[in-house]
Structure formats: structure tokens, C-alpha cells
Amino acid sequence: MELLKDDSGMSTVEYAIGTLAAAAFGGLLYVLLTSDFMRKLMEGLIQRALSSV
């Protein structure tokens, strides 16, 4: 039962999970931002912004 009370490695596991989550989120953002849909959306927004000035 002494093993269940020892949580000395918990912070390492928490950092590893946080790092994996951040990397997965970064990968998802990269895929979304480099997609053709997002490129067309951004071009449309920029063209509308510049044409209204």
C-alpha cells in the first residue's frame, strides 16, 4: 500500500501529458491554417478589408 501513497513522479507525468497535448494542438492548428479552405477564407477577408478602405 505504500506504493499508492507515493506521488513523487506525478509532476513528470503531468508535464509529459501537457507537452503531448500542446504538440497535438499545434499540429491541428498547422493543418487547419495551411488548408486550402483557410487560405481562401483569409484571402477573402483581406480583400474585403482592403476594398472597403
N, C-alpha and C. Protein backbone atom coordinates (compact mmCIF):
# COMPACT_ATOMS: atom_id res chain seq x y z
N MET A 1 0.82 -1.20 0.00
CA MET A 1 0.00 0.00 0.00
C MET A 1 0.86 1.26 0.00
N GLU A 2 2.11 1.13 0.33
CA GLU A 2 2.99 2.30 0.36
C GLU A 2 3.19 2.87 -1.06
N LEU A 3 3.14 2.02 -2.07
CA LEU A 3 3.31 2.49 -3.44
C LEU A 3 2.19 3.42 -3.87
N LEU A 4 1.00 3.22 -3.37
CA LEU A 4 -0.13 4.05 -3.75
C LEU A 4 -0.05 5.45 -3.15
N LYS A 5 0.67 5.60 -2.06
CA LYS A 5 0.77 6.90 -1.39
C LYS A 5 1.88 7.76 -1.97
N ASP A 6 2.82 7.16 -2.68
CA ASP A 6 3.96 7.91 -3.21
C ASP A 6 3.59 8.51 -4.56
N ASP A 7 3.60 9.84 -4.66
CA ASP A 7 3.28 10.51 -5.92
C ASP A 7 4.44 11.38 -6.40
N SER A 8 5.66 10.93 -6.15
CA SER A 8 6.83 11.74 -6.50
C SER A 8 7.01 11.89 -8.01
N GLY A 9 6.49 10.98 -8.81
CA GLY A 9 6.64 11.07 -10.26
C GLY A 9 5.46 11.71 -10.96
N MET A 10 4.50 12.19 -10.21
CA MET A 10 3.29 12.73 -10.82
C MET A 10 3.55 13.98 -11.65
N SER A 11 4.42 14.85 -11.19
CA SER A 11 4.65 16.07 -11.95
C SER A 11 5.27 15.76 -13.31
N THR A 12 6.13 14.76 -13.37
CA THR A 12 6.74 14.38 -14.65
C THR A 12 5.68 13.88 -15.62
N VAL A 13 4.76 13.07 -15.14
CA VAL A 13 3.69 12.56 -15.99
C VAL A 13 2.78 13.70 -16.43
N GLU A 14 2.49 14.61 -15.55
CA GLU A 14 1.63 15.75 -15.90
C GLU A 14 2.30 16.63 -16.95
N TYR A 15 3.59 16.86 -16.82
CA TYR A 15 4.30 17.64 -17.83
C TYR A 15 4.32 16.92 -19.17
N ALA A 16 4.49 15.62 -19.16
CA ALA A 16 4.51 14.84 -20.40
C ALA A 16 3.15 14.90 -21.09
N ILE A 17 2.08 14.77 -20.34
CA ILE A 17 0.74 14.84 -20.92
C ILE A 17 0.47 16.25 -21.46
N GLY A 18 0.87 17.26 -20.72
CA GLY A 18 0.71 18.64 -21.19
C GLY A 18 1.50 18.91 -22.45
N THR A 19 2.71 18.38 -22.53
CA THR A 19 3.54 18.56 -23.72
C THR A 19 2.91 17.86 -24.92
N LEU A 20 2.41 16.65 -24.72
CA LEU A 20 1.75 15.93 -25.82
C LEU A 20 0.50 16.67 -26.28
N ALA A 21 -0.27 17.20 -25.34
CA ALA A 21 -1.48 17.94 -25.71
C ALA A 21 -1.12 19.21 -26.49
N ALA A 22 -0.08 19.91 -26.06
CA ALA A 22 0.34 21.12 -26.77
C ALA A 22 0.84 20.80 -28.17
N ALA A 23 1.58 19.71 -28.32
CA ALA A 23 2.07 19.31 -29.64
C ALA A 23 0.91 18.91 -30.55
N ALA A 24 -0.07 18.21 -30.00
CA ALA A 24 -1.24 17.81 -30.80
C ALA A 24 -2.03 19.04 -31.22
N PHE A 25 -2.20 20.00 -30.32
CA PHE A 25 -2.92 21.23 -30.65
C PHE A 25 -2.17 22.02 -31.71
N GLY A 26 -0.85 22.09 -31.60
CA GLY A 26 -0.04 22.77 -32.61
C GLY A 26 -0.16 22.10 -33.97
N GLY A 27 -0.16 20.78 -33.99
CA GLY A 27 -0.33 20.05 -35.24
C GLY A 27 -1.69 20.31 -35.87
N LEU A 28 -2.71 20.34 -35.04
CA LEU A 28 -4.06 20.62 -35.53
C LEU A 28 -4.14 22.04 -36.11
N LEU A 29 -3.57 23.01 -35.41
CA LEU A 29 -3.56 24.38 -35.93
C LEU A 29 -2.81 24.47 -37.25
N TYR A 30 -1.69 23.77 -37.36
CA TYR A 30 -0.91 23.78 -38.60
C TYR A 30 -1.73 23.24 -39.76
N VAL A 31 -2.41 22.11 -39.52
CA VAL A 31 -3.23 21.51 -40.58
C VAL A 31 -4.35 22.46 -40.98
N LEU A 32 -5.00 23.07 -40.00
CA LEU A 32 -6.10 23.97 -40.31
C LEU A 32 -5.63 25.22 -41.04
N LEU A 33 -4.55 25.81 -40.57
CA LEU A 33 -4.09 27.08 -41.15
C LEU A 33 -3.45 26.92 -42.51
N THR A 34 -2.97 25.73 -42.84
CA THR A 34 -2.36 25.51 -44.15
C THR A 34 -3.34 24.87 -45.13
N SER A 35 -4.58 24.71 -44.74
CA SER A 35 -5.57 24.10 -45.64
C SER A 35 -6.02 25.11 -46.70
N ASP A 36 -6.51 24.59 -47.80
CA ASP A 36 -6.98 25.43 -48.90
C ASP A 36 -8.18 26.27 -48.48
N PHE A 37 -9.06 25.68 -47.68
CA PHE A 37 -10.24 26.41 -47.19
C PHE A 37 -9.82 27.64 -46.39
N MET A 38 -8.87 27.47 -45.48
CA MET A 38 -8.44 28.59 -44.64
C MET A 38 -7.73 29.66 -45.47
N ARG A 39 -6.96 29.23 -46.47
CA ARG A 39 -6.27 30.20 -47.33
C ARG A 39 -7.29 31.05 -48.08
N LYS A 40 -8.32 30.42 -48.62
CA LYS A 40 -9.35 31.16 -49.35
C LYS A 40 -10.13 32.08 -48.40
N LEU A 41 -10.39 31.61 -47.21
CA LEU A 41 -11.10 32.43 -46.23
C LEU A 41 -10.29 33.67 -45.87
N MET A 42 -9.00 33.50 -45.63
CA MET A 42 -8.15 34.65 -45.28
C MET A 42 -8.01 35.61 -46.46
N GLU A 43 -7.88 35.08 -47.67
CA GLU A 43 -7.80 35.96 -48.84
C GLU A 43 -9.07 36.78 -48.99
N GLY A 44 -10.22 36.15 -48.77
CA GLY A 44 -11.49 36.87 -48.86
C GLY A 44 -11.60 37.97 -47.82
N LEU A 45 -11.17 37.66 -46.60
CA LEU A 45 -11.22 38.67 -45.53
C LEU A 45 -10.30 39.84 -45.84
N ILE A 46 -9.11 39.55 -46.34
CA ILE A 46 -8.16 40.62 -46.65
C ILE A 46 -8.67 41.47 -47.81
N GLN A 47 -9.22 40.82 -48.84
CA GLN A 47 -9.75 41.57 -49.98
C GLN A 47 -10.92 42.46 -49.56
N ARG A 48 -11.80 41.95 -48.71
CA ARG A 48 -12.92 42.78 -48.24
C ARG A 48 -12.42 43.94 -47.40
N ALA A 49 -11.41 43.70 -46.58
CA ALA A 49 -10.88 44.78 -45.74
C ALA A 49 -10.21 45.85 -46.59
N LEU A 50 -9.48 45.45 -47.61
CA LEU A 50 -8.78 46.43 -48.45
C LEU A 50 -9.73 47.15 -49.39
N SER A 51 -10.78 46.50 -49.83
CA SER A 51 -11.70 47.15 -50.76
C SER A 51 -12.64 48.12 -50.05
N SER A 52 -12.81 48.00 -48.76
CA SER A 52 -13.70 48.90 -48.04
C SER A 52 -13.00 50.18 -47.59
N VAL A 53 -11.70 50.26 -47.77
CA VAL A 53 -10.94 51.44 -47.34
C VAL A 53 -10.97 52.51 -48.38
